[in-house]
C-alpha atoms as a PDB file:
ATOM      1  CA  MET A   1     172.065 123.588 105.580  1.00  0.00           C
ATOM      2  CA  SER A   2     172.560 125.515 108.809  1.00  0.00           C
ATOM      3  CA  ILE A   3     169.344 127.007 109.786  1.00  0.00           C
ATOM      4  CA  GLN A   4     171.169 130.222 110.597  1.00  0.00           C
ATOM      5  CA  THR A   5     171.311 130.772 106.475  1.00  0.00           C
ATOM      6  CA  GLU A   6     167.784 129.709 105.435  1.00  0.00           C
ATOM      7  CA  ALA A   7     165.653 132.306 104.585  1.00  0.00           C
ATOM      8  CA  CYS A   8     163.138 133.874 106.499  1.00  0.00           C
ATOM      9  CA  ASN A   9     159.491 134.685 105.090  1.00  0.00           C
ATOM     10  CA  SER A  10     158.066 138.444 104.826  1.00  0.00           C
ATOM     11  CA  ASP A  11     157.370 138.873 108.108  1.00  0.00           C
ATOM     12  CA  GLY A  12     160.923 138.207 109.151  1.00  0.00           C
ATOM     13  CA  ARG A  13     159.857 134.880 110.327  1.00  0.00           C
ATOM     14  CA  TRP A  14     162.171 131.675 110.336  1.00  0.00           C
ATOM     15  CA  VAL A  15     160.052 128.137 111.096  1.00  0.00           C
ATOM     16  CA  ASN A  16     162.033 124.992 110.657  1.00  0.00           C
ATOM     17  CA  PRO A  17     160.970 122.939 107.818  1.00  0.00           C
ATOM     18  CA  LEU A  18     160.217 120.059 110.118  1.00  0.00           C
ATOM     19  CA  CYS A  19     157.168 121.855 111.346  1.00  0.00           C
ATOM     20  CA  GLN A  20     153.848 122.688 109.893  1.00  0.00           C
ATOM     21  CA  SER A  21     151.501 125.636 110.471  1.00  0.00           C
ATOM     22  CA  LEU A  22     148.727 124.491 113.004  1.00  0.00           C
ATOM     23  CA  PRO A  23     145.253 125.246 111.507  1.00  0.00           C
ATOM     24  CA  ILE A  24     143.706 126.699 114.600  1.00  0.00           C
ATOM     25  CA  ASP A  25     142.690 129.760 115.962  1.00  0.00           C
ATOM     26  CA  ARG A  26     143.289 129.149 120.113  1.00  0.00           C
ATOM     27  CA  ASN A  27     146.406 128.937 122.197  1.00  0.00           C
ATOM     28  CA  GLY A  28     144.744 126.211 124.591  1.00  0.00           C
ATOM     29  CA  PRO A  29     145.063 124.701 127.049  1.00  0.00           C
ATOM     30  CA  PHE A  30     143.708 121.499 125.362  1.00  0.00           C
ATOM     31  CA  VAL A  31     142.335 118.326 127.039  1.00  0.00           C
ATOM     32  CA  PRO A  32     141.303 115.244 124.766  1.00  0.00           C
ATOM     33  CA  MET A  33     138.077 113.700 125.763  1.00  0.00           C
ATOM     34  CA  ALA A  34     136.357 110.030 126.009  1.00  0.00           C
ATOM     35  CA  ASP A  35     135.201 110.037 122.762  1.00  0.00           C
ATOM     36  CA  GLY A  36     138.394 111.896 121.139  1.00  0.00           C
ATOM     37  CA  SER A  37     137.165 115.666 121.097  1.00  0.00           C
ATOM     38  CA  LEU A  38     138.885 118.357 122.021  1.00  0.00           C
ATOM     39  CA  MET A  39     138.037 120.665 124.798  1.00  0.00           C
ATOM     40  CA  THR A  40     139.336 123.652 126.049  1.00  0.00           C
ATOM     41  CA  ILE A  41     138.114 126.349 128.447  1.00  0.00           C
ATOM     42  CA  ASP A  42     138.368 130.375 127.938  1.00  0.00           C
ATOM     43  CA  SER A  43     136.851 133.465 129.280  1.00  0.00           C
ATOM     44  CA  GLN A  44     133.439 132.281 128.126  1.00  0.00           C
ATOM     45  CA  GLY A  45     133.274 129.057 129.106  1.00  0.00           C
ATOM     46  CA  MET A  46     134.222 125.227 127.868  1.00  0.00           C
ATOM     47  CA  ARG A  47     134.549 124.756 123.871  1.00  0.00           C
ATOM     48  CA  VAL A  48     134.701 121.049 122.201  1.00  0.00           C
ATOM     49  CA  SER A  49     136.091 120.551 119.153  1.00  0.00           C
ATOM     50  CA  ALA A  50     135.597 117.294 116.900  1.00  0.00           C
ATOM     51  CA  ASP A  51     137.788 118.595 113.899  1.00  0.00           C
ATOM     52  CA  ASP A  52     141.417 119.076 115.846  1.00  0.00           C
ATOM     53  CA  GLY A  53     140.833 122.727 116.910  1.00  0.00           C
ATOM     54  CA  VAL A  54     139.723 123.527 113.387  1.00  0.00           C
ATOM     55  CA  THR A  55     135.789 124.629 114.906  1.00  0.00           C
ATOM     56  CA  TRP A  56     134.470 124.583 118.144  1.00  0.00           C
ATOM     57  CA  SER A  57     131.468 124.572 119.669  1.00  0.00           C
ATOM     58  CA  GLU A  58     129.442 127.372 121.404  1.00  0.00           C
ATOM     59  CA  ALA A  59     130.588 128.180 125.189  1.00  0.00           C
ATOM     60  CA  ARG A  60     129.169 126.645 128.211  1.00  0.00           C
ATOM     61  CA  PRO A  61     129.990 128.764 131.091  1.00  0.00           C
ATOM     62  CA  VAL A  62     132.351 127.618 133.737  1.00  0.00           C
ATOM     63  CA  CYS A  63     133.540 130.567 135.789  1.00  0.00           C
ATOM     64  CA  GLU A  64     134.413 134.262 136.285  1.00  0.00           C
ATOM     65  CA  GLY A  65     138.006 135.617 136.217  1.00  0.00           C
ATOM     66  CA  LEU A  66     139.876 134.128 133.101  1.00  0.00           C
ATOM     67  CA  ASN A  67     141.732 135.942 131.064  1.00  0.00           C
ATOM     68  CA  ASP A  68     142.434 134.787 127.067  1.00  0.00           C
ATOM     69  CA  THR A  69     145.297 137.508 126.193  1.00  0.00           C
ATOM     70  CA  GLU A  70     147.375 135.861 129.170  1.00  0.00           C
ATOM     71  CA  PRO A  71     149.339 132.515 128.370  1.00  0.00           C
ATOM     72  CA  ALA A  72     149.716 129.967 130.874  1.00  0.00           C
ATOM     73  CA  SER A  73     146.997 131.730 133.187  1.00  0.00           C
ATOM     74  CA  HIS A  74     144.797 128.559 133.447  1.00  0.00           C
ATOM     75  CA  ARG A  75     145.370 124.636 133.137  1.00  0.00           C
ATOM     76  CA  LEU A  76     143.036 121.815 132.463  1.00  0.00           C
ATOM     77  CA  VAL A  77     143.512 117.970 133.570  1.00  0.00           C
ATOM     78  CA  ARG A  78     140.869 115.389 132.973  1.00  0.00           C
ATOM     79  CA  THR A  79     141.584 112.634 135.275  1.00  0.00           C
ATOM     80  CA  LYS A  80     141.329 108.948 134.792  1.00  0.00           C
ATOM     81  CA  SER A  81     137.991 108.822 136.612  1.00  0.00           C
ATOM     82  CA  ASP A  82     136.797 111.358 133.992  1.00  0.00           C
ATOM     83  CA  SER A  83     136.544 114.401 136.049  1.00  0.00           C
ATOM     84  CA  LEU A  84     137.515 118.034 134.645  1.00  0.00           C
ATOM     85  CA  VAL A  85     139.651 119.815 136.887  1.00  0.00           C
ATOM     86  CA  MET A  86     140.964 123.283 136.269  1.00  0.00           C
ATOM     87  CA  VAL A  87     143.908 125.549 138.244  1.00  0.00           C
ATOM     88  CA  HIS A  88     143.504 129.065 137.000  1.00  0.00           C
ATOM     89  CA  LEU A  89     144.702 132.696 137.825  1.00  0.00           C
ATOM     90  CA  ASP A  90     141.781 134.975 139.104  1.00  0.00           C
ATOM     91  CA  PHE A  91     141.639 138.234 137.067  1.00  0.00           C
ATOM     92  CA  THR A  92     138.260 139.796 138.843  1.00  0.00           C
ATOM     93  CA  ASP A  93     140.438 141.808 141.246  1.00  0.00           C
ATOM     94  CA  TYR A  94     143.837 141.950 139.295  1.00  0.00           C
ATOM     95  CA  LYS A  95     146.109 144.324 140.454  1.00  0.00           C
ATOM     96  CA  PHE A  96     149.788 144.964 140.179  1.00  0.00           C
ATOM     97  CA  SER A  97     151.277 147.374 142.504  1.00  0.00           C
ATOM     98  CA  TRP A  98     155.370 147.596 142.922  1.00  0.00           C
ATOM     99  CA  ASP A  99     157.250 150.284 145.691  1.00  0.00           C
ATOM    100  CA  GLU A 100     160.315 151.095 143.135  1.00  0.00           C
ATOM    101  CA  GLU A 101     161.892 153.091 146.169  1.00  0.00           C
ATOM    102  CA  ALA A 102     161.452 150.241 148.438  1.00  0.00           C
ATOM    103  CA  GLY A 103     161.741 147.386 145.942  1.00  0.00           C
ATOM    104  CA  GLU A 104     158.665 145.602 147.396  1.00  0.00           C
ATOM    105  CA  PRO A 105     155.054 144.551 145.865  1.00  0.00           C
ATOM    106  CA  LYS A 106     152.690 147.230 147.723  1.00  0.00           C
ATOM    107  CA  ASP A 107     150.032 145.432 149.702  1.00  0.00           C
ATOM    108  CA  ASP A 108     147.093 146.083 147.093  1.00  0.00           C
ATOM    109  CA  CYS A 109     148.965 143.558 144.979  1.00  0.00           C
ATOM    110  CA  ARG A 110     146.521 140.883 143.975  1.00  0.00           C
ATOM    111  CA  MET A 111     146.205 137.965 141.577  1.00  0.00           C
ATOM    112  CA  GLU A 112     145.082 134.677 143.363  1.00  0.00           C
ATOM    113  CA  VAL A 113     145.079 131.210 141.819  1.00  0.00           C
ATOM    114  CA  TRP A 114     142.039 129.427 142.171  1.00  0.00           C
ATOM    115  CA  SER A 115     140.766 125.718 141.433  1.00  0.00           C
ATOM    116  CA  ILE A 116     137.406 124.466 140.506  1.00  0.00           C
ATOM    117  CA  ARG A 117     136.249 120.702 138.913  1.00  0.00           C
ATOM    118  CA  SER A 118     133.275 118.843 136.910  1.00  0.00           C
ATOM    119  CA  VAL A 119     132.391 115.465 137.630  1.00  0.00           C
ATOM    120  CA  ASP A 120     129.698 115.351 134.381  1.00  0.00           C
ATOM    121  CA  GLY A 121     131.892 116.281 131.707  1.00  0.00           C
ATOM    122  CA  GLY A 122     131.421 120.087 132.297  1.00  0.00           C
ATOM    123  CA  LYS A 123     127.628 120.813 132.275  1.00  0.00           C
ATOM    124  CA  THR A 124     128.307 121.978 135.955  1.00  0.00           C
ATOM    125  CA  TRP A 125     131.256 123.218 137.935  1.00  0.00           C
ATOM    126  CA  VAL A 126     131.624 122.957 141.970  1.00  0.00           C
ATOM    127  CA  ASP A 127     134.156 122.801 144.776  1.00  0.00           C
ATOM    128  CA  LYS A 128     135.752 126.233 143.831  1.00  0.00           C
ATOM    129  CA  GLN A 129     138.488 127.026 145.928  1.00  0.00           C
ATOM    130  CA  ARG A 130     141.108 129.378 146.517  1.00  0.00           C
ATOM    131  CA  LEU A 131     144.724 127.955 146.748  1.00  0.00           C
ATOM    132  CA  LEU A 132     146.925 130.961 147.181  1.00  0.00           C
ATOM    133  CA  ASP A 133     146.022 134.500 148.116  1.00  0.00           C
ATOM    134  CA  GLY A 134     148.250 137.477 147.290  1.00  0.00           C
ATOM    135  CA  TYR A 135     149.996 138.327 144.095  1.00  0.00           C
ATOM    136  CA  ASN A 136     150.501 135.163 141.691  1.00  0.00           C
ATOM    137  CA  ALA A 137     151.541 135.012 138.331  1.00  0.00           C
ATOM    138  CA  ASN A 138     151.799 132.379 135.030  1.00  0.00           C
ATOM    139  CA  PHE A 139     152.360 128.547 135.562  1.00  0.00           C
ATOM    140  CA  PHE A 140     153.368 125.750 133.572  1.00  0.00           C
ATOM    141  CA  GLY A 141     152.879 122.575 135.045  1.00  0.00           C
ATOM    142  CA  PHE A 142     149.322 120.778 136.072  1.00  0.00           C
ATOM    143  CA  ILE A 143     149.553 116.795 135.634  1.00  0.00           C
ATOM    144  CA  GLN A 144     147.892 113.655 136.978  1.00  0.00           C
ATOM    145  CA  THR A 145     151.129 111.074 138.132  1.00  0.00           C
ATOM    146  CA  SER A 146     150.543 107.363 137.401  1.00  0.00           C
ATOM    147  CA  ALA A 147     149.731 107.393 141.088  1.00  0.00           C
ATOM    148  CA  GLY A 148     146.345 109.354 140.477  1.00  0.00           C
ATOM    149  CA  ARG A 149     147.476 112.328 142.061  1.00  0.00           C
ATOM    150  CA  LEU A 150     146.966 115.920 140.494  1.00  0.00           C
ATOM    151  CA  VAL A 151     150.141 118.255 141.418  1.00  0.00           C
ATOM    152  CA  VAL A 152     149.924 121.493 140.131  1.00  0.00           C
ATOM    153  CA  VAL A 153     153.128 123.710 140.314  1.00  0.00           C
ATOM    154  CA  LEU A 154     153.029 127.306 140.744  1.00  0.00           C
ATOM    155  CA  GLU A 155     154.940 130.767 141.739  1.00  0.00           C
ATOM    156  CA  HIS A 156     153.831 133.415 144.514  1.00  0.00           C
ATOM    157  CA  LEU A 157     155.365 136.797 144.696  1.00  0.00           C
ATOM    158  CA  ALA A 158     157.051 137.443 148.083  1.00  0.00           C
ATOM    159  CA  SER A 159     158.204 140.318 150.543  1.00  0.00           C
ATOM    160  CA  ASN A 160     161.520 141.479 152.332  1.00  0.00           C
ATOM    161  CA  PRO A 161     162.980 141.036 149.601  1.00  0.00           C
ATOM    162  CA  GLY A 162     160.242 141.519 146.814  1.00  0.00           C
ATOM    163  CA  ARG A 163     161.015 138.227 144.646  1.00  0.00           C
ATOM    164  CA  TRP A 164     159.337 135.127 143.744  1.00  0.00           C
ATOM    165  CA  VAL A 165     158.723 131.913 145.078  1.00  0.00           C
ATOM    166  CA  VAL A 166     157.402 128.601 143.796  1.00  0.00           C
ATOM    167  CA  CYS A 167     155.658 125.390 145.318  1.00  0.00           C
ATOM    168  CA  SER A 168     153.266 122.818 144.321  1.00  0.00           C
ATOM    169  CA  PHE A 169     149.722 121.679 145.307  1.00  0.00           C
ATOM    170  CA  ILE A 170     148.407 118.349 145.417  1.00  0.00           C
ATOM    171  CA  SER A 171     145.246 116.952 145.519  1.00  0.00           C
ATOM    172  CA  ASP A 172     144.416 112.754 145.652  1.00  0.00           C
ATOM    173  CA  ASP A 173     140.641 113.306 145.378  1.00  0.00           C
ATOM    174  CA  ASP A 174     140.468 114.814 141.758  1.00  0.00           C
ATOM    175  CA  GLY A 175     140.641 118.400 143.093  1.00  0.00           C
ATOM    176  CA  GLN A 176     138.083 118.181 145.902  1.00  0.00           C
ATOM    177  CA  THR A 177     140.747 119.263 148.583  1.00  0.00           C
ATOM    178  CA  TRP A 178     144.820 120.221 148.016  1.00  0.00           C
ATOM    179  CA  THR A 179     147.578 120.744 150.131  1.00  0.00           C
ATOM    180  CA  ARG A 180     150.695 122.802 149.856  1.00  0.00           C
ATOM    181  CA  SER A 181     154.427 121.718 149.494  1.00  0.00           C
ATOM    182  CA  ASN A 182     157.141 123.864 150.919  1.00  0.00           C
ATOM    183  CA  LEU A 183     158.226 126.851 148.974  1.00  0.00           C
ATOM    184  CA  ILE A 184     161.013 126.601 147.156  1.00  0.00           C
ATOM    185  CA  ASP A 185     162.936 130.170 147.620  1.00  0.00           C
ATOM    186  CA  LEU A 186     165.993 131.024 145.620  1.00  0.00           C
ATOM    187  CA  GLY A 187     166.755 134.531 146.880  1.00  0.00           C
ATOM    188  CA  GLY A 188     166.935 137.292 144.688  1.00  0.00           C
ATOM    189  CA  HIS A 189     165.559 140.678 144.521  1.00  0.00           C
ATOM    190  CA  GLY A 190     162.813 142.233 141.987  1.00  0.00           C
ATOM    191  CA  HIS A 191     159.510 141.979 140.643  1.00  0.00           C
ATOM    192  CA  HIS A 192     161.207 139.260 138.117  1.00  0.00           C
ATOM    193  CA  ASP A 193     163.837 138.184 140.115  1.00  0.00           C
ATOM    194  CA  GLY A 194     163.653 134.524 142.356  1.00  0.00           C
ATOM    195  CA  ALA A 195     162.084 131.279 141.578  1.00  0.00           C
ATOM    196  CA  THR A 196     159.723 131.824 138.974  1.00  0.00           C
ATOM    197  CA  GLU A 197     157.139 130.178 136.306  1.00  0.00           C
ATOM    198  CA  PRO A 198     157.732 126.363 137.080  1.00  0.00           C
ATOM    199  CA  THR A 199     156.653 123.348 134.770  1.00  0.00           C
ATOM    200  CA  VAL A 200     156.580 120.091 135.975  1.00  0.00           C
ATOM    201  CA  ALA A 201     156.930 116.335 134.690  1.00  0.00           C
ATOM    202  CA  GLU A 202     156.761 112.618 136.215  1.00  0.00           C
ATOM    203  CA  LEU A 203     159.950 110.521 135.839  1.00  0.00           C
ATOM    204  CA  SER A 204     159.931 106.624 135.004  1.00  0.00           C
ATOM    205  CA  ASP A 205     160.468 106.240 138.669  1.00  0.00           C
ATOM    206  CA  GLY A 206     157.822 108.021 139.646  1.00  0.00           C
ATOM    207  CA  ARG A 207     160.099 111.142 140.806  1.00  0.00           C
ATOM    208  CA  LEU A 208     158.710 114.693 140.125  1.00  0.00           C
ATOM    209  CA  LEU A 209     161.268 116.820 138.157  1.00  0.00           C
ATOM    210  CA  MET A 210     160.549 120.408 138.368  1.00  0.00           C
ATOM    211  CA  LEU A 211     162.195 123.441 136.280  1.00  0.00           C
ATOM    212  CA  ILE A 212     162.119 126.672 137.487  1.00  0.00           C
ATOM    213  CA  ARG A 213     162.762 130.057 135.435  1.00  0.00           C
ATOM    214  CA  THR A 214     165.536 131.895 137.064  1.00  0.00           C
ATOM    215  CA  ASN A 215     167.761 134.738 136.243  1.00  0.00           C
ATOM    216  CA  LEU A 216     170.903 133.016 136.773  1.00  0.00           C
ATOM    217  CA  ASP A 217     171.373 131.948 132.591  1.00  0.00           C
ATOM    218  CA  ARG A 218     170.063 128.572 133.588  1.00  0.00           C
ATOM    219  CA  PHE A 219     167.099 126.416 134.876  1.00  0.00           C
ATOM    220  CA  TRP A 220     167.025 125.589 138.187  1.00  0.00           C
ATOM    221  CA  GLN A 221     165.612 122.203 139.174  1.00  0.00           C
ATOM    222  CA  ALA A 222     164.030 120.381 142.047  1.00  0.00           C
ATOM    223  CA  PHE A 223     162.914 116.517 142.473  1.00  0.00           C
ATOM    224  CA  SER A 224     160.262 115.509 144.775  1.00  0.00           C
ATOM    225  CA  ASP A 225     160.618 112.057 146.123  1.00  0.00           C
ATOM    226  CA  ASP A 226     157.003 111.953 147.074  1.00  0.00           C
ATOM    227  CA  GLY A 227     154.852 113.231 144.684  1.00  0.00           C
ATOM    228  CA  GLY A 228     155.145 116.618 144.923  1.00  0.00           C
ATOM    229  CA  ARG A 229     154.141 117.046 148.928  1.00  0.00           C
ATOM    230  CA  TYR A 230     157.769 117.957 149.355  1.00  0.00           C
ATOM    231  CA  TRP A 231     160.572 119.076 147.103  1.00  0.00           C
ATOM    232  CA  ARG A 232     163.937 118.436 149.090  1.00  0.00           C
ATOM    233  CA  THR A 233     166.644 118.260 146.298  1.00  0.00           C
ATOM    234  CA  ILE A 234     167.069 121.583 144.419  1.00  0.00           C
ATOM    235  CA  GLN A 235     170.255 122.444 142.359  1.00  0.00           C
ATOM    236  CA  PRO A 236     170.902 124.373 139.114  1.00  0.00           C
ATOM    237  CA  SER A 237     170.560 122.271 136.044  1.00  0.00           C
ATOM    238  CA  ASP A 238     172.712 121.741 132.675  1.00  0.00           C
ATOM    239  CA  ILE A 239     170.083 123.459 130.531  1.00  0.00           C
ATOM    240  CA  ASP A 240     170.950 126.981 129.886  1.00  0.00           C
ATOM    241  CA  ALA A 241     167.707 129.422 129.657  1.00  0.00           C
ATOM    242  CA  SER A 242     166.903 132.944 129.180  1.00  0.00           C
ATOM    243  CA  SER A 243     164.879 134.965 131.899  1.00  0.00           C
ATOM    244  CA  ALA A 244     161.748 132.962 130.496  1.00  0.00           C
ATOM    245  CA  PRO A 245     159.859 130.249 131.135  1.00  0.00           C
ATOM    246  CA  GLY A 246     159.645 126.269 129.482  1.00  0.00           C
ATOM    247  CA  HIS A 247     157.164 123.947 129.087  1.00  0.00           C
ATOM    248  CA  LEU A 248     158.417 120.348 130.029  1.00  0.00           C
ATOM    249  CA  VAL A 249     156.064 117.296 129.098  1.00  0.00           C
ATOM    250  CA  ARG A 250     156.261 113.270 129.393  1.00  0.00           C
ATOM    251  CA  LEU A 251     155.642 112.184 126.024  1.00  0.00           C
ATOM    252  CA  ARG A 252     153.993 108.925 125.531  1.00  0.00           C
ATOM    253  CA  SER A 253     156.965 107.481 123.923  1.00  0.00           C
ATOM    254  CA  GLY A 254     158.224 107.928 127.820  1.00  0.00           C
ATOM    255  CA  ARG A 255     160.743 110.676 126.477  1.00  0.00           C
ATOM    256  CA  LEU A 256     160.897 114.234 128.186  1.00  0.00           C
ATOM    257  CA  ALA A 257     160.088 116.879 125.707  1.00  0.00           C
ATOM    258  CA  LEU A 258     161.441 120.698 126.526  1.00  0.00           C
ATOM    259  CA  VAL A 259     160.187 123.613 125.019  1.00  0.00           C
ATOM    260  CA  TRP A 260     162.070 127.157 126.131  1.00  0.00           C
ATOM    261  CA  ASN A 261     164.079 130.236 125.217  1.00  0.00           C
ATOM    262  CA  ARG A 262     167.617 129.383 125.380  1.00  0.00           C
ATOM    263  CA  LEU A 263     170.028 131.871 127.011  1.00  0.00           C
ATOM    264  CA  ASN A 264     171.830 133.052 123.431  1.00  0.00           C
ATOM    265  CA  PRO A 265     170.815 132.907 119.949  1.00  0.00           C
ATOM    266  CA  GLU A 266     171.848 129.605 118.333  1.00  0.00           C
ATOM    267  CA  GLY A 267     175.686 130.238 117.592  1.00  0.00           C
ATOM    268  CA  GLY A 268     175.613 134.167 119.107  1.00  0.00           C
ATOM    269  CA  THR A 269     175.452 136.035 122.356  1.00  0.00           C
ATOM    270  CA  ARG A 270     173.492 138.541 123.340  1.00  0.00           C
ATOM    271  CA  PRO A 271     173.925 141.134 126.163  1.00  0.00           C
ATOM    272  CA  LYS A 272     172.395 140.722 129.191  1.00  0.00           C
ATOM    273  CA  ALA A 273     170.518 143.691 130.745  1.00  0.00           C
ATOM    274  CA  GLU A 274     171.637 145.415 133.812  1.00  0.00           C
ATOM    275  CA  PRO A 275     170.466 145.042 137.008  1.00  0.00           C
ATOM    276  CA  GLY A 276     167.030 147.180 138.258  1.00  0.00           C
ATOM    277  CA  GLN A 277     164.005 146.699 139.579  1.00  0.00           C
ATOM    278  CA  SER A 278     163.307 143.460 137.807  1.00  0.00           C
ATOM    279  CA  SER A 279     166.608 141.987 139.093  1.00  0.00           C
ATOM    280  CA  GLU A 280     169.514 142.401 140.979  1.00  0.00           C
ATOM    281  CA  VAL A 281     171.493 140.735 138.993  1.00  0.00           C
ATOM    282  CA  PRO A 282     172.120 141.102 134.994  1.00  0.00           C
ATOM    283  CA  ALA A 283     170.085 138.715 133.181  1.00  0.00           C
ATOM    284  CA  SER A 284     169.362 137.599 129.602  1.00  0.00           C
ATOM    285  CA  TRP A 285     165.842 138.232 128.637  1.00  0.00           C
ATOM    286  CA  TYR A 286     166.443 136.774 124.721  1.00  0.00           C
ATOM    287  CA  ARG A 287     163.223 135.503 123.603  1.00  0.00           C
ATOM    288  CA  GLU A 288     163.614 135.375 119.569  1.00  0.00           C
ATOM    289  CA  GLU A 289     164.489 131.836 119.233  1.00  0.00           C
ATOM    290  CA  LEU A 290     162.125 128.917 120.432  1.00  0.00           C
ATOM    291  CA  SER A 291     163.979 125.572 120.767  1.00  0.00           C
ATOM    292  CA  LEU A 292     163.025 121.736 121.587  1.00  0.00           C
ATOM    293  CA  ALA A 293     164.938 119.044 123.494  1.00  0.00           C
ATOM    294  CA  PHE A 294     164.444 115.767 124.449  1.00  0.00           C
ATOM    295  CA  SER A 295     165.688 113.543 127.375  1.00  0.00           C
ATOM    296  CA  GLU A 296     165.504 109.689 127.164  1.00  0.00           C
ATOM    297  CA  GLY A 297     167.262 109.802 130.684  1.00  0.00           C
ATOM    298  CA  ASP A 298     164.500 111.148 132.599  1.00  0.00           C
ATOM    299  CA  GLY A 299     166.106 114.863 132.486  1.00  0.00           C
ATOM    300  CA  VAL A 300     169.719 113.628 133.673  1.00  0.00           C
ATOM    301  CA  SER A 301     171.024 114.036 129.770  1.00  0.00           C
ATOM    302  CA  TRP A 302     169.399 116.193 126.995  1.00  0.00           C
ATOM    303  CA  THR A 303     169.428 116.100 122.973  1.00  0.00           C
ATOM    304  CA  LYS A 304     171.283 118.920 121.130  1.00  0.00           C
ATOM    305  CA  PRO A 305     168.169 121.601 121.016  1.00  0.00           C
ATOM    306  CA  VAL A 306     166.845 122.214 117.463  1.00  0.00           C
ATOM    307  CA  VAL A 307     165.444 125.633 116.824  1.00  0.00           C
ATOM    308  CA  LEU A 308     161.509 125.509 115.956  1.00  0.00           C
ATOM    309  CA  ALA A 309     161.262 129.255 115.024  1.00  0.00           C
ATOM    310  CA  ARG A 310     162.681 132.497 114.858  1.00  0.00           C
ATOM    311  CA  GLN A 311     161.575 135.858 115.005  1.00  0.00           C
ATOM    312  CA  GLU A 312     164.612 138.314 115.135  1.00  0.00           C
ATOM    313  CA  GLY A 313     164.065 142.082 116.848  1.00  0.00           C
ATOM    314  CA  GLY A 314     160.702 140.431 118.237  1.00  0.00           C
ATOM    315  CA  GLN A 315     159.596 137.718 120.431  1.00  0.00           C
ATOM    316  CA  LEU A 316     158.691 133.866 120.675  1.00  0.00           C
ATOM    317  CA  SER A 317     158.168 132.988 124.339  1.00  0.00           C
ATOM    318  CA  TYR A 318     155.353 131.428 127.130  1.00  0.00           C
ATOM    319  CA  PRO A 319     155.449 128.350 125.021  1.00  0.00           C
ATOM    320  CA  TYR A 320     153.027 125.581 125.560  1.00  0.00           C
ATOM    321  CA  LEU A 321     153.536 121.596 124.262  1.00  0.00           C
ATOM    322  CA  PHE A 322     150.842 119.380 123.575  1.00  0.00           C
ATOM    323  CA  GLU A 323     150.844 115.617 122.539  1.00  0.00           C
ATOM    324  CA  ARG A 324     147.481 115.386 120.336  1.00  0.00           C
ATOM    325  CA  HIS A 325     148.134 111.949 118.901  1.00  0.00           C
ATOM    326  CA  PRO A 326     151.344 109.803 120.010  1.00  0.00           C
ATOM    327  CA  GLY A 327     153.837 111.515 118.778  1.00  0.00           C
ATOM    328  CA  GLU A 328     152.198 114.432 116.914  1.00  0.00           C
ATOM    329  CA  LEU A 329     153.068 117.199 118.674  1.00  0.00           C
ATOM    330  CA  TRP A 330     151.385 121.255 119.007  1.00  0.00           C
ATOM    331  CA  VAL A 331     153.842 123.574 119.857  1.00  0.00           C
ATOM    332  CA  ILE A 332     152.395 127.383 120.646  1.00  0.00           C
ATOM    333  CA  ALA A 333     153.664 130.640 121.596  1.00  0.00           C
ATOM    334  CA  GLY A 334     151.754 132.080 123.836  1.00  0.00           C
ATOM    335  CA  PHE A 335     153.419 135.487 123.351  1.00  0.00           C
ATOM    336  CA  ALA A 336     154.270 136.148 119.623  1.00  0.00           C
ATOM    337  CA  PHE A 337     155.415 139.531 118.198  1.00  0.00           C
ATOM    338  CA  LYS A 338     157.045 140.928 115.201  1.00  0.00           C
ATOM    339  CA  SER A 339     158.723 143.537 117.167  1.00  0.00           C
ATOM    340  CA  GLY A 340     159.229 143.581 120.849  1.00  0.00           C
ATOM    341  CA  TRP A 341     155.922 143.479 122.580  1.00  0.00           C
ATOM    342  CA  GLN A 342     154.263 145.079 119.249  1.00  0.00           C
ATOM    343  CA  GLU A 343     152.749 143.757 116.313  1.00  0.00           C
ATOM    344  CA  PRO A 344     151.272 140.152 117.380  1.00  0.00           C
ATOM    345  CA  LEU A 345     151.991 137.294 114.911  1.00  0.00           C
ATOM    346  CA  SER A 346     150.686 134.028 116.301  1.00  0.00           C
ATOM    347  CA  LEU A 347     152.685 130.873 116.098  1.00  0.00           C
ATOM    348  CA  ARG A 348     150.923 127.801 116.234  1.00  0.00           C
ATOM    349  CA  LEU A 349     152.852 124.463 114.900  1.00  0.00           C
ATOM    350  CA  ARG A 350     152.435 120.864 114.572  1.00  0.00           C
ATOM    351  CA  MET A 351     155.544 118.263 114.356  1.00  0.00           C
ATOM    352  CA  ASN A 352     156.631 114.915 114.542  1.00  0.00           C
ATOM    353  CA  GLU A 353     158.338 113.536 117.669  1.00  0.00           C
ATOM    354  CA  GLU A 354     160.454 111.112 115.673  1.00  0.00           C
ATOM    355  CA  GLU A 355     161.518 113.044 112.848  1.00  0.00           C
ATOM    356  CA  LEU A 356     162.645 115.974 115.259  1.00  0.00           C
ATOM    357  CA  LEU A 357     164.637 113.401 117.365  1.00  0.00           C
ATOM    358  CA  ARG A 358     166.704 112.431 114.135  1.00  0.00           C
ATOM    359  CA  GLU A 359     167.255 116.113 113.893  1.00  0.00           C
ATOM    360  CA  THR A 360     168.825 116.783 117.262  1.00  0.00           C
ATOM    361  CA  GLN A 361     170.874 113.425 116.518  1.00  0.00           C
ATOM    362  CA  GLU A 362     172.553 114.884 113.334  1.00  0.00           C
ATOM    363  CA  LYS A 363     176.125 115.708 113.287  1.00  0.00           C
ATOM    364  CA  PRO A 364     176.585 120.019 112.946  1.00  0.00           C
END
């Protein structure tokens, strides 16, 4: 049966029958610890769960400046040498300030990116350092490559004209020191225009693939042949997308998985917003459906997207994809509302990779 004809629940939400509700009250990010427990960090500090997130320990302080209500504002990696590394937006002196007449960020526009790490399992945190000054925003990729390099992909608000650009930072010493890549600049003009909110995964040949949110009806993609030091192949992808971020993950099966908001609802279309302060081109802001697709060919081709959930008139966006156990996928919507940006209604789902893969291969 087509999902378009299946009934929604009393909240006006449809959830794919292959998805189960995830009995947790947190949105991540999560890191598996050496003993099998689960770790997360919130504004109060680091917490550990021994029951897959149903209950959590008391918080152990980490640092100031985290914001629990802003999804994709901090990311965690437990390295191969058992260090914990966090990259985060610092909301301590946060201020977004935009000059509408000039179409530029004002001089006091500020949200910095910092990193911090622990070498004793989270008891103490050291080497706190700023990666980017000025104003930066949400990011969807922080990984350790097979060679052991840490790679985080970030966005930065540029001026003249005001727009977003993206880059990566790399570390070969578990976050003690960092090096920035070249900037990827796709042009644009507006406080939500340009190259934004990147996500990243390692390919089977060691190259890195970055997918970049744009207002151009699709993700753009960038490839790095040197572990994120430089990005020299930059082009539009074949993945249609609204002006919203996606989360790309390499699963333990070797497949890539992508969760995102498509350009239009399944089987339909939606009008784009007219140009303005946010974008110099008409842009789709469709966020009522959250979809998932797989790639077994390093992103060259993708399966048919499967809609995981739909909230008509609301939104399900800023997704977080986490593989808790091999083939067990958790998908969480960072922004989940019944009506526009009103009436929060969380979406936290658990699903099986192979079951979803079979659905993507079914004929219409």
